[in-house]
Amino acid sequence: MTVEDGDRRDLLLTRIQARRESIAQFVADLRPRGNRLANLSIVASALGVVLTAGPALGGPGFADGVQAGLSLPRSSLVWQVLCLAALVVSVVSAVAANLVKRQDAVARISAAEACGAELEGLQTALEFDQVTLPVAVTLYQDAITKIPFVPELPQERTGRVDPARPSRALAAAIADGGVGHPSAGAP
């Protein structure tokens, strides 16, 4: 291997590592967001059921009991408030569920993690000279075309992501002009 080939190999290894870091950042950011939306949809659906269960199971007696307990002038106020609240939580549930589907978070996370594993294998193969440079470049290009939705981290910010708090570390790096999060140990 010539010095020039060694430099190209090192450049490809650097790109692979940077891309793996951007994948890890993407997954660390997307997974909690998708989980929050899914949980919001579940909780809002359950609240909708709870809000309609009292009137559905208790009928007029339920409404009269709540009216008397809250000293309301009419039992129709109980029905109106419960129906309005059920409407609101149903809309929240529907919006959250559709946002989860629209983002397709599960499929994107799976594709990103699979690509990260491919890149890890390629990195290992390159480090132990198990693959030629032209083949490695082709494999790298094939892998990254599967994840066009994963943004690349800027070159000067790679290697500075705090794994414990990736979103805050990235925000700090951007705000500080490339200086990493203090707990990441970056200079």
Protein backbone atom coordinates (compact mmCIF):
# COMPACT_ATOMS: atom_id res chain seq x y z
CA MET A 1 0.00 0.00 0.00
CA THR A 2 1.37 3.38 -0.98
CA VAL A 3 1.37 6.46 1.24
CA GLU A 4 -1.36 7.95 -0.95
CA ASP A 5 -3.49 4.80 -0.55
CA GLY A 6 -2.94 4.96 3.20
CA ASP A 7 -4.08 8.59 3.25
CA ARG A 8 -7.20 7.71 1.25
CA ARG A 9 -7.91 4.79 3.55
CA ASP A 10 -7.57 7.07 6.59
CA LEU A 11 -9.85 9.63 4.95
CA LEU A 12 -12.49 6.95 4.31
CA LEU A 13 -12.16 5.70 7.90
CA THR A 14 -12.67 9.28 9.13
CA ARG A 15 -15.77 9.66 6.94
CA ILE A 16 -17.17 6.34 8.14
CA GLN A 17 -16.66 7.33 11.78
CA ALA A 18 -18.23 10.75 11.20
CA ARG A 19 -21.22 9.16 9.49
CA ARG A 20 -21.63 6.65 12.34
CA GLU A 21 -21.64 9.57 14.78
CA SER A 22 -24.31 11.38 12.76
CA ILE A 23 -26.40 8.19 12.75
CA ALA A 24 -26.02 7.84 16.52
CA GLN A 25 -27.05 11.48 16.96
CA PHE A 26 -30.06 11.03 14.68
CA VAL A 27 -31.26 7.95 16.55
CA ALA A 28 -30.66 9.62 19.94
CA ASP A 29 -32.80 12.58 18.85
CA LEU A 30 -35.59 10.74 17.00
CA ARG A 31 -36.29 7.84 19.36
CA PRO A 32 -37.42 9.98 22.35
CA ARG A 33 -39.52 12.24 20.11
CA GLY A 34 -41.31 9.26 18.58
CA ASN A 35 -41.83 7.73 22.01
CA ARG A 36 -43.29 10.96 23.37
CA LEU A 37 -45.77 11.23 20.49
CA ALA A 38 -46.80 7.58 20.80
CA ASN A 39 -47.25 7.91 24.57
CA LEU A 40 -49.24 11.13 24.13
CA SER A 41 -51.55 9.37 21.69
CA ILE A 42 -52.08 6.46 24.09
CA VAL A 43 -52.74 8.68 27.12
CA ALA A 44 -55.07 10.99 25.20
CA SER A 45 -57.05 8.00 23.90
CA ALA A 46 -57.39 6.63 27.42
CA LEU A 47 -58.53 10.02 28.73
CA GLY A 48 -61.16 10.17 26.00
CA VAL A 49 -62.49 6.80 27.15
CA VAL A 50 -62.50 7.88 30.80
CA LEU A 51 -64.33 11.13 30.01
CA THR A 52 -67.09 9.31 28.15
CA ALA A 53 -67.33 6.30 30.49
CA GLY A 54 -69.11 8.11 33.34
CA PRO A 55 -72.02 9.42 31.30
CA ALA A 56 -72.20 6.26 29.21
CA LEU A 57 -72.33 3.92 32.20
CA GLY A 58 -74.09 6.18 34.71
CA GLY A 59 -76.56 7.90 32.41
CA PRO A 60 -78.71 10.75 33.74
CA GLY A 61 -78.07 9.65 37.33
CA PHE A 62 -74.33 10.28 36.85
CA ALA A 63 -74.96 13.76 35.45
CA ASP A 64 -77.39 14.60 38.24
CA GLY A 65 -74.91 13.37 40.88
CA VAL A 66 -72.05 15.45 39.46
CA GLN A 67 -74.39 18.45 39.17
CA ALA A 68 -75.37 18.17 42.81
CA GLY A 69 -71.79 17.52 43.95
CA LEU A 70 -70.41 20.57 42.13
CA SER A 71 -73.49 22.75 42.80
CA LEU A 72 -74.04 23.38 39.08
CA PRO A 73 -77.30 24.99 37.96
CA ARG A 74 -78.02 22.40 35.23
CA SER A 75 -76.96 18.80 34.62
CA SER A 76 -76.49 19.68 30.94
CA LEU A 77 -73.32 21.57 31.95
CA VAL A 78 -71.82 18.25 33.08
CA TRP A 79 -72.52 16.69 29.68
CA GLN A 80 -71.19 19.71 27.81
CA VAL A 81 -67.94 19.88 29.78
CA LEU A 82 -67.31 16.14 29.50
CA CYS A 83 -68.10 16.10 25.77
CA LEU A 84 -65.87 19.10 25.13
CA ALA A 85 -63.00 17.56 27.10
CA ALA A 86 -63.46 14.24 25.27
CA LEU A 87 -63.39 16.10 21.95
CA VAL A 88 -60.15 17.88 22.84
CA VAL A 89 -58.31 14.75 23.98
CA SER A 90 -59.60 12.82 20.95
CA VAL A 91 -58.19 15.48 18.62
CA VAL A 92 -54.86 15.45 20.50
CA SER A 93 -54.76 11.65 20.23
CA ALA A 94 -55.51 11.69 16.50
CA VAL A 95 -52.91 14.38 15.77
CA ALA A 96 -50.21 12.62 17.80
CA ALA A 97 -50.95 9.25 16.15
CA ASN A 98 -50.77 10.80 12.68
CA LEU A 99 -47.52 12.60 13.50
CA VAL A 100 -46.00 9.28 14.55
CA LYS A 101 -47.08 7.72 11.26
CA ARG A 102 -45.98 10.74 9.20
CA GLN A 103 -42.50 10.76 10.70
CA ASP A 104 -42.23 6.99 10.27
CA ALA A 105 -39.84 7.05 13.21
CA VAL A 106 -39.67 3.28 13.71
CA ALA A 107 -38.68 2.59 10.10
CA ARG A 108 -36.17 5.44 10.04
CA ILE A 109 -34.55 4.35 13.29
CA SER A 110 -34.33 0.75 12.04
CA ALA A 111 -32.77 1.83 8.74
CA ALA A 112 -30.31 4.14 10.50
CA GLU A 113 -29.27 1.47 13.00
CA ALA A 114 -28.84 -1.11 10.23
CA CYS A 115 -26.70 1.32 8.26
CA GLY A 116 -24.66 2.09 11.38
CA ALA A 117 -24.01 -1.64 11.80
CA GLU A 118 -22.97 -1.94 8.14
CA LEU A 119 -20.60 0.99 8.54
CA GLU A 120 -19.15 -0.50 11.72
CA GLY A 121 -18.46 -3.74 9.86
CA LEU A 122 -16.91 -1.83 6.97
CA GLN A 123 -14.77 0.18 9.36
CA THR A 124 -13.51 -2.98 11.01
CA ALA A 125 -12.80 -4.62 7.64
CA LEU A 126 -10.83 -1.55 6.54
CA GLU A 127 -8.88 -1.36 9.79
CA PHE A 128 -7.78 -5.00 9.41
CA ASP A 129 -7.15 -4.76 5.65
CA GLN A 130 -9.91 -7.25 4.83
CA VAL A 131 -11.30 -5.14 1.97
CA THR A 132 -9.68 -3.14 -0.81
CA LEU A 133 -10.14 0.61 -0.91
CA PRO A 134 -12.25 0.69 -4.12
CA VAL A 135 -14.60 -1.98 -2.73
CA ALA A 136 -14.79 -0.15 0.60
CA VAL A 137 -15.74 3.11 -1.12
CA THR A 138 -18.51 1.31 -3.04
CA LEU A 139 -19.79 -0.34 0.15
CA TYR A 140 -19.73 3.01 1.95
CA GLN A 141 -21.69 4.70 -0.83
CA ASP A 142 -24.21 1.84 -0.95
CA ALA A 143 -24.73 2.06 2.81
CA ILE A 144 -25.27 5.81 3.07
CA THR A 145 -27.74 5.90 0.17
CA LYS A 146 -30.12 3.94 2.42
CA ILE A 147 -30.35 6.82 4.90
CA PRO A 148 -30.77 10.09 2.98
CA PHE A 149 -32.87 11.41 5.88
CA VAL A 150 -29.94 11.33 8.32
CA PRO A 151 -28.11 14.67 8.26
CA GLU A 152 -24.35 14.73 8.44
CA LEU A 153 -22.77 16.44 11.41
CA PRO A 154 -20.42 19.28 10.45
CA GLN A 155 -16.83 18.02 10.23
CA GLU A 156 -15.54 20.18 13.10
CA ARG A 157 -18.29 18.93 15.43
CA THR A 158 -17.87 15.20 15.01
CA GLY A 159 -16.41 13.38 17.98
CA ARG A 160 -17.82 15.94 20.41
CA VAL A 161 -21.22 14.43 21.15
CA ASP A 162 -21.83 13.63 24.80
CA PRO A 163 -23.46 10.19 24.69
CA ALA A 164 -25.34 10.88 27.94
CA ARG A 165 -27.00 14.01 26.56
CA PRO A 166 -26.54 14.04 22.77
CA SER A 167 -29.15 16.71 21.97
CA ARG A 168 -27.81 19.18 24.53
CA ALA A 169 -24.24 18.47 23.51
CA LEU A 170 -25.01 19.15 19.86
CA ALA A 171 -26.89 22.34 20.75
CA ALA A 172 -23.95 23.48 22.87
CA ALA A 173 -21.51 22.69 20.08
CA ILE A 174 -23.56 24.72 17.62
CA ALA A 175 -24.01 27.63 20.05
CA ASP A 176 -20.35 27.67 21.01
CA GLY A 177 -19.14 27.53 17.42
CA GLY A 178 -17.86 23.97 17.57
CA VAL A 179 -16.86 23.75 21.22
CA GLY A 180 -18.23 20.51 22.65
CA HIS A 181 -20.33 20.00 25.76
CA PRO A 182 -18.19 20.41 28.92
CA SER A 183 -19.02 16.92 30.22
CA ALA A 184 -17.87 15.38 26.95
CA GLY A 185 -14.27 16.18 27.86
CA ALA A 186 -13.60 18.12 24.66
CA PRO A 187 -10.96 20.87 24.89
